[in-house]
Amino acid sequence: MPNIIPYNPKLREFARYLRNNSTLSEVLLWKEIKNKALGVEFKRQVPILDYIVDFYCQELKLAVEVDGHIHDFRYVED
């Protein structure tokens, strides 16, 4: 399946950093959805346009964002 989501290569290294420094909420959700546990494949920390989404399923065109404490003080940005 072709990748139709606009990919921003400038965010690649930051996405890698986020994958290696996941929040507890992200770790717990990843345990439940990795390895096609729900019948579809999810990827973690996917750069899309100017954002990095926590989890993305290409087949469903579904992005999942897990809010954590970082969002408590970023009302304007979010």
PDB file of N, CA and C in Angstrom:
ATOM      1  N   MET A   1       0.856  -1.164   0.000  1.00  0.00           N
ATOM      2  CA  MET A   1       0.000   0.000   0.000  1.00  0.00           C
ATOM      3  C   MET A   1       0.910   1.238   0.000  1.00  0.00           C
ATOM      4  N   PRO A   2       0.688   2.158  -0.929  1.00  0.00           N
ATOM      5  CA  PRO A   2       1.544   3.344  -0.976  1.00  0.00           C
ATOM      6  C   PRO A   2       1.328   4.245   0.234  1.00  0.00           C
ATOM      7  N   ASN A   3       2.382   4.928   0.604  1.00  0.00           N
ATOM      8  CA  ASN A   3       2.315   5.833   1.740  1.00  0.00           C
ATOM      9  C   ASN A   3       1.732   7.163   1.273  1.00  0.00           C
ATOM     10  N   ILE A   4       0.476   7.429   1.602  1.00  0.00           N
ATOM     11  CA  ILE A   4      -0.164   8.660   1.150  1.00  0.00           C
ATOM     12  C   ILE A   4      -0.140   9.753   2.213  1.00  0.00           C
ATOM     13  N   ILE A   5       0.386   9.444   3.373  1.00  0.00           N
ATOM     14  CA  ILE A   5       0.487  10.426   4.440  1.00  0.00           C
ATOM     15  C   ILE A   5       1.750  11.250   4.208  1.00  0.00           C
ATOM     16  N   PRO A   6       1.635  12.583   4.154  1.00  0.00           N
ATOM     17  CA  PRO A   6       2.831  13.418   3.956  1.00  0.00           C
ATOM     18  C   PRO A   6       3.833  13.225   5.093  1.00  0.00           C
ATOM     19  N   TYR A   7       5.018  12.803   4.728  1.00  0.00           N
ATOM     20  CA  TYR A   7       6.068  12.488   5.690  1.00  0.00           C
ATOM     21  C   TYR A   7       7.069  13.641   5.728  1.00  0.00           C
ATOM     22  N   ASN A   8       7.405  14.080   6.942  1.00  0.00           N
ATOM     23  CA  ASN A   8       8.367  15.155   7.112  1.00  0.00           C
ATOM     24  C   ASN A   8       9.695  14.562   7.586  1.00  0.00           C
ATOM     25  N   PRO A   9      10.679  14.424   6.693  1.00  0.00           N
ATOM     26  CA  PRO A   9      11.949  13.797   7.083  1.00  0.00           C
ATOM     27  C   PRO A   9      12.715  14.586   8.146  1.00  0.00           C
ATOM     28  N   LYS A  10      12.414  15.865   8.310  1.00  0.00           N
ATOM     29  CA  LYS A  10      13.083  16.678   9.325  1.00  0.00           C
ATOM     30  C   LYS A  10      12.736  16.220  10.741  1.00  0.00           C
ATOM     31  N   LEU A  11      11.623  15.506  10.889  1.00  0.00           N
ATOM     32  CA  LEU A  11      11.187  15.047  12.209  1.00  0.00           C
ATOM     33  C   LEU A  11      11.656  13.623  12.522  1.00  0.00           C
ATOM     34  N   ARG A  12      12.380  13.020  11.624  1.00  0.00           N
ATOM     35  CA  ARG A  12      12.771  11.614  11.783  1.00  0.00           C
ATOM     36  C   ARG A  12      13.566  11.365  13.069  1.00  0.00           C
ATOM     37  N   GLU A  13      14.579  12.156  13.315  1.00  0.00           N
ATOM     38  CA  GLU A  13      15.412  11.946  14.502  1.00  0.00           C
ATOM     39  C   GLU A  13      14.629  12.191  15.792  1.00  0.00           C
ATOM     40  N   PHE A  14      13.776  13.218  15.794  1.00  0.00           N
ATOM     41  CA  PHE A  14      12.974  13.489  16.988  1.00  0.00           C
ATOM     42  C   PHE A  14      11.981  12.359  17.236  1.00  0.00           C
ATOM     43  N   ALA A  15      11.407  11.802  16.168  1.00  0.00           N
ATOM     44  CA  ALA A  15      10.490  10.668  16.313  1.00  0.00           C
ATOM     45  C   ALA A  15      11.225   9.470  16.920  1.00  0.00           C
ATOM     46  N   ARG A  16      12.459   9.244  16.492  1.00  0.00           N
ATOM     47  CA  ARG A  16      13.266   8.159  17.059  1.00  0.00           C
ATOM     48  C   ARG A  16      13.507   8.396  18.550  1.00  0.00           C
ATOM     49  N   TYR A  17      13.814   9.646  18.892  1.00  0.00           N
ATOM     50  CA  TYR A  17      14.012   9.999  20.303  1.00  0.00           C
ATOM     51  C   TYR A  17      12.749   9.694  21.117  1.00  0.00           C
ATOM     52  N   LEU A  18      11.584  10.078  20.583  1.00  0.00           N
ATOM     53  CA  LEU A  18      10.325   9.841  21.293  1.00  0.00           C
ATOM     54  C   LEU A  18      10.041   8.350  21.453  1.00  0.00           C
ATOM     55  N   ARG A  19      10.372   7.547  20.436  1.00  0.00           N
ATOM     56  CA  ARG A  19      10.178   6.090  20.543  1.00  0.00           C
ATOM     57  C   ARG A  19      11.035   5.509  21.660  1.00  0.00           C
ATOM     58  N   ASN A  20      12.216   6.047  21.817  1.00  0.00           N
ATOM     59  CA  ASN A  20      13.139   5.547  22.841  1.00  0.00           C
ATOM     60  C   ASN A  20      12.891   6.142  24.217  1.00  0.00           C
ATOM     61  N   ASN A  21      12.018   7.135  24.320  1.00  0.00           N
ATOM     62  CA  ASN A  21      11.723   7.798  25.593  1.00  0.00           C
ATOM     63  C   ASN A  21      10.218   7.947  25.775  1.00  0.00           C
ATOM     64  N   SER A  22       9.503   6.843  25.633  1.00  0.00           N
ATOM     65  CA  SER A  22       8.039   6.849  25.710  1.00  0.00           C
ATOM     66  C   SER A  22       7.549   7.129  27.123  1.00  0.00           C
ATOM     67  N   THR A  23       6.351   7.708  27.195  1.00  0.00           N
ATOM     68  CA  THR A  23       5.710   7.907  28.491  1.00  0.00           C
ATOM     69  C   THR A  23       5.133   6.573  28.961  1.00  0.00           C
ATOM     70  N   LEU A  24       4.800   6.485  30.230  1.00  0.00           N
ATOM     71  CA  LEU A  24       4.202   5.263  30.758  1.00  0.00           C
ATOM     72  C   LEU A  24       2.911   4.930  30.014  1.00  0.00           C
ATOM     73  N   SER A  25       2.090   5.924  29.745  1.00  0.00           N
ATOM     74  CA  SER A  25       0.834   5.700  29.025  1.00  0.00           C
ATOM     75  C   SER A  25       1.089   5.112  27.642  1.00  0.00           C
ATOM     76  N   GLU A  26       2.095   5.629  26.943  1.00  0.00           N
ATOM     77  CA  GLU A  26       2.421   5.117  25.617  1.00  0.00           C
ATOM     78  C   GLU A  26       2.939   3.684  25.689  1.00  0.00           C
ATOM     79  N   VAL A  27       3.757   3.388  26.676  1.00  0.00           N
ATOM     80  CA  VAL A  27       4.293   2.037  26.846  1.00  0.00           C
ATOM     81  C   VAL A  27       3.163   1.043  27.102  1.00  0.00           C
ATOM     82  N   LEU A  28       2.241   1.410  27.969  1.00  0.00           N
ATOM     83  CA  LEU A  28       1.129   0.511  28.299  1.00  0.00           C
ATOM     84  C   LEU A  28       0.222   0.270  27.093  1.00  0.00           C
ATOM     85  N   LEU A  29      -0.069   1.316  26.330  1.00  0.00           N
ATOM     86  CA  LEU A  29      -0.900   1.135  25.141  1.00  0.00           C
ATOM     87  C   LEU A  29      -0.161   0.310  24.093  1.00  0.00           C
ATOM     88  N   TRP A  30       1.119   0.570  23.899  1.00  0.00           N
ATOM     89  CA  TRP A  30       1.904  -0.169  22.918  1.00  0.00           C
ATOM     90  C   TRP A  30       1.903  -1.663  23.213  1.00  0.00           C
ATOM     91  N   LYS A  31       1.961  -2.032  24.495  1.00  0.00           N
ATOM     92  CA  LYS A  31       1.920  -3.450  24.873  1.00  0.00           C
ATOM     93  C   LYS A  31       0.638  -4.116  24.375  1.00  0.00           C
ATOM     94  N   GLU A  32      -0.439  -3.350  24.297  1.00  0.00           N
ATOM     95  CA  GLU A  32      -1.743  -3.898  23.908  1.00  0.00           C
ATOM     96  C   GLU A  32      -1.961  -3.935  22.392  1.00  0.00           C
ATOM     97  N   ILE A  33      -1.256  -3.098  21.634  1.00  0.00           N
ATOM     98  CA  ILE A  33      -1.558  -2.999  20.202  1.00  0.00           C
ATOM     99  C   ILE A  33      -0.420  -3.458  19.288  1.00  0.00           C
ATOM    100  N   LYS A  34       0.755  -3.761  19.848  1.00  0.00           N
ATOM    101  CA  LYS A  34       1.872  -4.162  18.986  1.00  0.00           C
ATOM    102  C   LYS A  34       1.665  -5.563  18.427  1.00  0.00           C
ATOM    103  N   ASN A  35       2.439  -5.895  17.398  1.00  0.00           N
ATOM    104  CA  ASN A  35       2.391  -7.213  16.756  1.00  0.00           C
ATOM    105  C   ASN A  35       1.001  -7.588  16.256  1.00  0.00           C
ATOM    106  N   LYS A  36       0.290  -6.608  15.740  1.00  0.00           N
ATOM    107  CA  LYS A  36      -1.053  -6.824  15.175  1.00  0.00           C
ATOM    108  C   LYS A  36      -2.019  -7.458  16.168  1.00  0.00           C
ATOM    109  N   ALA A  37      -1.894  -7.095  17.432  1.00  0.00           N
ATOM    110  CA  ALA A  37      -2.756  -7.659  18.474  1.00  0.00           C
ATOM    111  C   ALA A  37      -4.233  -7.360  18.213  1.00  0.00           C
ATOM    112  N   LEU A  38      -4.528  -6.274  17.511  1.00  0.00           N
ATOM    113  CA  LEU A  38      -5.913  -5.923  17.196  1.00  0.00           C
ATOM    114  C   LEU A  38      -6.277  -6.296  15.753  1.00  0.00           C
ATOM    115  N   GLY A  39      -5.397  -7.019  15.085  1.00  0.00           N
ATOM    116  CA  GLY A  39      -5.657  -7.440  13.707  1.00  0.00           C
ATOM    117  C   GLY A  39      -5.134  -6.466  12.666  1.00  0.00           C
ATOM    118  N   VAL A  40      -4.562  -5.360  13.087  1.00  0.00           N
ATOM    119  CA  VAL A  40      -3.977  -4.371  12.178  1.00  0.00           C
ATOM    120  C   VAL A  40      -2.638  -3.917  12.754  1.00  0.00           C
ATOM    121  N   GLU A  41      -1.774  -3.414  11.879  1.00  0.00           N
ATOM    122  CA  GLU A  41      -0.446  -2.983  12.310  1.00  0.00           C
ATOM    123  C   GLU A  41      -0.448  -1.505  12.699  1.00  0.00           C
ATOM    124  N   PHE A  42       0.111  -1.217  13.862  1.00  0.00           N
ATOM    125  CA  PHE A  42       0.323   0.152  14.310  1.00  0.00           C
ATOM    126  C   PHE A  42       1.815   0.444  14.312  1.00  0.00           C
ATOM    127  N   LYS A  43       2.162   1.675  14.013  1.00  0.00           N
ATOM    128  CA  LYS A  43       3.530   2.153  14.133  1.00  0.00           C
ATOM    129  C   LYS A  43       3.544   3.233  15.203  1.00  0.00           C
ATOM    130  N   ARG A  44       4.715   3.401  15.853  1.00  0.00           N
ATOM    131  CA  ARG A  44       4.841   4.383  16.937  1.00  0.00           C
ATOM    132  C   ARG A  44       5.570   5.625  16.451  1.00  0.00           C
ATOM    133  N   GLN A  45       5.170   6.766  17.002  1.00  0.00           N
ATOM    134  CA  GLN A  45       5.842   8.039  16.770  1.00  0.00           C
ATOM    135  C   GLN A  45       6.095   8.269  15.284  1.00  0.00           C
ATOM    136  N   VAL A  46       5.012   8.506  14.551  1.00  0.00           N
ATOM    137  CA  VAL A  46       5.068   8.655  13.099  1.00  0.00           C
ATOM    138  C   VAL A  46       4.996  10.134  12.715  1.00  0.00           C
ATOM    139  N   PRO A  47       6.012  10.639  11.992  1.00  0.00           N
ATOM    140  CA  PRO A  47       5.953  12.021  11.517  1.00  0.00           C
ATOM    141  C   PRO A  47       4.896  12.162  10.419  1.00  0.00           C
ATOM    142  N   ILE A  48       3.972  13.083  10.612  1.00  0.00           N
ATOM    143  CA  ILE A  48       2.953  13.400   9.625  1.00  0.00           C
ATOM    144  C   ILE A  48       2.870  14.921   9.537  1.00  0.00           C
ATOM    145  N   LEU A  49       3.107  15.450   8.349  1.00  0.00           N
ATOM    146  CA  LEU A  49       3.178  16.904   8.157  1.00  0.00           C
ATOM    147  C   LEU A  49       4.179  17.485   9.158  1.00  0.00           C
ATOM    148  N   ASP A  50       3.759  18.407  10.004  1.00  0.00           N
ATOM    149  CA  ASP A  50       4.657  19.028  10.986  1.00  0.00           C
ATOM    150  C   ASP A  50       4.464  18.463  12.392  1.00  0.00           C
ATOM    151  N   TYR A  51       3.854  17.297  12.487  1.00  0.00           N
ATOM    152  CA  TYR A  51       3.532  16.701  13.784  1.00  0.00           C
ATOM    153  C   TYR A  51       4.094  15.289  13.869  1.00  0.00           C
ATOM    154  N   ILE A  52       4.159  14.781  15.084  1.00  0.00           N
ATOM    155  CA  ILE A  52       4.499  13.376  15.301  1.00  0.00           C
ATOM    156  C   ILE A  52       3.357  12.771  16.105  1.00  0.00           C
ATOM    157  N   VAL A  53       2.651  11.813  15.489  1.00  0.00           N
ATOM    158  CA  VAL A  53       1.545  11.171  16.199  1.00  0.00           C
ATOM    159  C   VAL A  53       2.086   9.974  16.962  1.00  0.00           C
ATOM    160  N   ASP A  54       1.506   9.700  18.118  1.00  0.00           N
ATOM    161  CA  ASP A  54       2.000   8.623  18.975  1.00  0.00           C
ATOM    162  C   ASP A  54       1.881   7.260  18.301  1.00  0.00           C
ATOM    163  N   PHE A  55       0.730   6.967  17.713  1.00  0.00           N
ATOM    164  CA  PHE A  55       0.510   5.686  17.055  1.00  0.00           C
ATOM    165  C   PHE A  55      -0.264   5.926  15.764  1.00  0.00           C
ATOM    166  N   TYR A  56       0.072   5.160  14.722  1.00  0.00           N
ATOM    167  CA  TYR A  56      -0.629   5.321  13.446  1.00  0.00           C
ATOM    168  C   TYR A  56      -0.834   3.965  12.793  1.00  0.00           C
ATOM    169  N   CYS A  57      -2.068   3.748  12.304  1.00  0.00           N
ATOM    170  CA  CYS A  57      -2.416   2.545  11.556  1.00  0.00           C
ATOM    171  C   CYS A  57      -2.726   2.958  10.127  1.00  0.00           C
ATOM    172  N   GLN A  58      -1.846   2.591   9.188  1.00  0.00           N
ATOM    173  CA  GLN A  58      -2.022   2.949   7.775  1.00  0.00           C
ATOM    174  C   GLN A  58      -3.305   2.334   7.208  1.00  0.00           C
ATOM    175  N   GLU A  59      -3.551   1.075   7.540  1.00  0.00           N
ATOM    176  CA  GLU A  59      -4.718   0.364   6.999  1.00  0.00           C
ATOM    177  C   GLU A  59      -6.029   1.063   7.350  1.00  0.00           C
ATOM    178  N   LEU A  60      -6.140   1.540   8.581  1.00  0.00           N
ATOM    179  CA  LEU A  60      -7.370   2.203   9.032  1.00  0.00           C
ATOM    180  C   LEU A  60      -7.327   3.720   8.848  1.00  0.00           C
ATOM    181  N   LYS A  61      -6.150   4.248   8.480  1.00  0.00           N
ATOM    182  CA  LYS A  61      -5.946   5.707   8.403  1.00  0.00           C
ATOM    183  C   LYS A  61      -6.312   6.336   9.747  1.00  0.00           C
ATOM    184  N   LEU A  62      -5.806   5.689  10.813  1.00  0.00           N
ATOM    185  CA  LEU A  62      -6.153   6.078  12.175  1.00  0.00           C
ATOM    186  C   LEU A  62      -4.917   6.535  12.933  1.00  0.00           C
ATOM    187  N   ALA A  63      -4.959   7.747  13.448  1.00  0.00           N
ATOM    188  CA  ALA A  63      -3.894   8.275  14.297  1.00  0.00           C
ATOM    189  C   ALA A  63      -4.404   8.308  15.730  1.00  0.00           C
ATOM    190  N   VAL A  64      -3.557   7.871  16.664  1.00  0.00           N
ATOM    191  CA  VAL A  64      -3.913   7.859  18.080  1.00  0.00           C
ATOM    192  C   VAL A  64      -2.894   8.702  18.824  1.00  0.00           C
ATOM    193  N   GLU A  65      -3.364   9.680  19.555  1.00  0.00           N
ATOM    194  CA  GLU A  65      -2.504  10.542  20.364  1.00  0.00           C
ATOM    195  C   GLU A  65      -2.823  10.284  21.828  1.00  0.00           C
ATOM    196  N   VAL A  66      -1.793   9.961  22.605  1.00  0.00           N
ATOM    197  CA  VAL A  66      -1.959   9.682  24.027  1.00  0.00           C
ATOM    198  C   VAL A  66      -1.503  10.912  24.793  1.00  0.00           C
ATOM    199  N   ASP A  67      -2.432  11.602  25.405  1.00  0.00           N
ATOM    200  CA  ASP A  67      -2.068  12.794  26.168  1.00  0.00           C
ATOM    201  C   ASP A  67      -1.416  12.399  27.478  1.00  0.00           C
ATOM    202  N   GLY A  68      -0.410  13.127  27.816  1.00  0.00           N
ATOM    203  CA  GLY A  68       0.279  12.915  29.081  1.00  0.00           C
ATOM    204  C   GLY A  68       0.449  14.248  29.778  1.00  0.00           C
ATOM    205  N   HIS A  69       1.260  14.272  30.800  1.00  0.00           N
ATOM    206  CA  HIS A  69       1.435  15.493  31.592  1.00  0.00           C
ATOM    207  C   HIS A  69       2.022  16.636  30.776  1.00  0.00           C
ATOM    208  N   ILE A  70       2.709  16.353  29.679  1.00  0.00           N
ATOM    209  CA  ILE A  70       3.284  17.402  28.850  1.00  0.00           C
ATOM    210  C   ILE A  70       2.204  18.330  28.303  1.00  0.00           C
ATOM    211  N   HIS A  71       1.004  17.809  28.123  1.00  0.00           N
ATOM    212  CA  HIS A  71      -0.086  18.605  27.565  1.00  0.00           C
ATOM    213  C   HIS A  71      -0.791  19.465  28.610  1.00  0.00           C
ATOM    214  N   ASP A  72      -0.476  19.274  29.875  1.00  0.00           N
ATOM    215  CA  ASP A  72      -1.121  20.055  30.932  1.00  0.00           C
ATOM    216  C   ASP A  72      -0.828  21.546  30.826  1.00  0.00           C
ATOM    217  N   PHE A  73       0.296  21.889  30.251  1.00  0.00           N
ATOM    218  CA  PHE A  73       0.721  23.291  30.215  1.00  0.00           C
ATOM    219  C   PHE A  73       0.861  23.832  28.798  1.00  0.00           C
ATOM    220  N   ARG A  74       0.331  23.108  27.813  1.00  0.00           N
ATOM    221  CA  ARG A  74       0.500  23.509  26.418  1.00  0.00           C
ATOM    222  C   ARG A  74      -0.851  23.718  25.739  1.00  0.00           C
ATOM    223  N   TYR A  75      -1.735  24.439  26.355  1.00  0.00           N
ATOM    224  CA  TYR A  75      -3.069  24.632  25.796  1.00  0.00           C
ATOM    225  C   TYR A  75      -3.029  25.316  24.431  1.00  0.00           C
ATOM    226  N   VAL A  76      -2.212  26.320  24.279  1.00  0.00           N
ATOM    227  CA  VAL A  76      -2.157  27.073  23.031  1.00  0.00           C
ATOM    228  C   VAL A  76      -1.623  26.193  21.902  1.00  0.00           C
ATOM    229  N   GLU A  77      -0.526  25.485  22.134  1.00  0.00           N
ATOM    230  CA  GLU A  77       0.059  24.648  21.111  1.00  0.00           C
ATOM    231  C   GLU A  77      -0.860  23.499  20.706  1.00  0.00           C
ATOM    232  N   ASP A  78      -1.507  22.892  21.693  1.00  0.00           N
ATOM    233  CA  ASP A  78      -2.374  21.741  21.408  1.00  0.00           C
ATOM    234  C   ASP A  78      -3.678  22.193  20.772  1.00  0.00           C
TER     235      ASP A  78
END
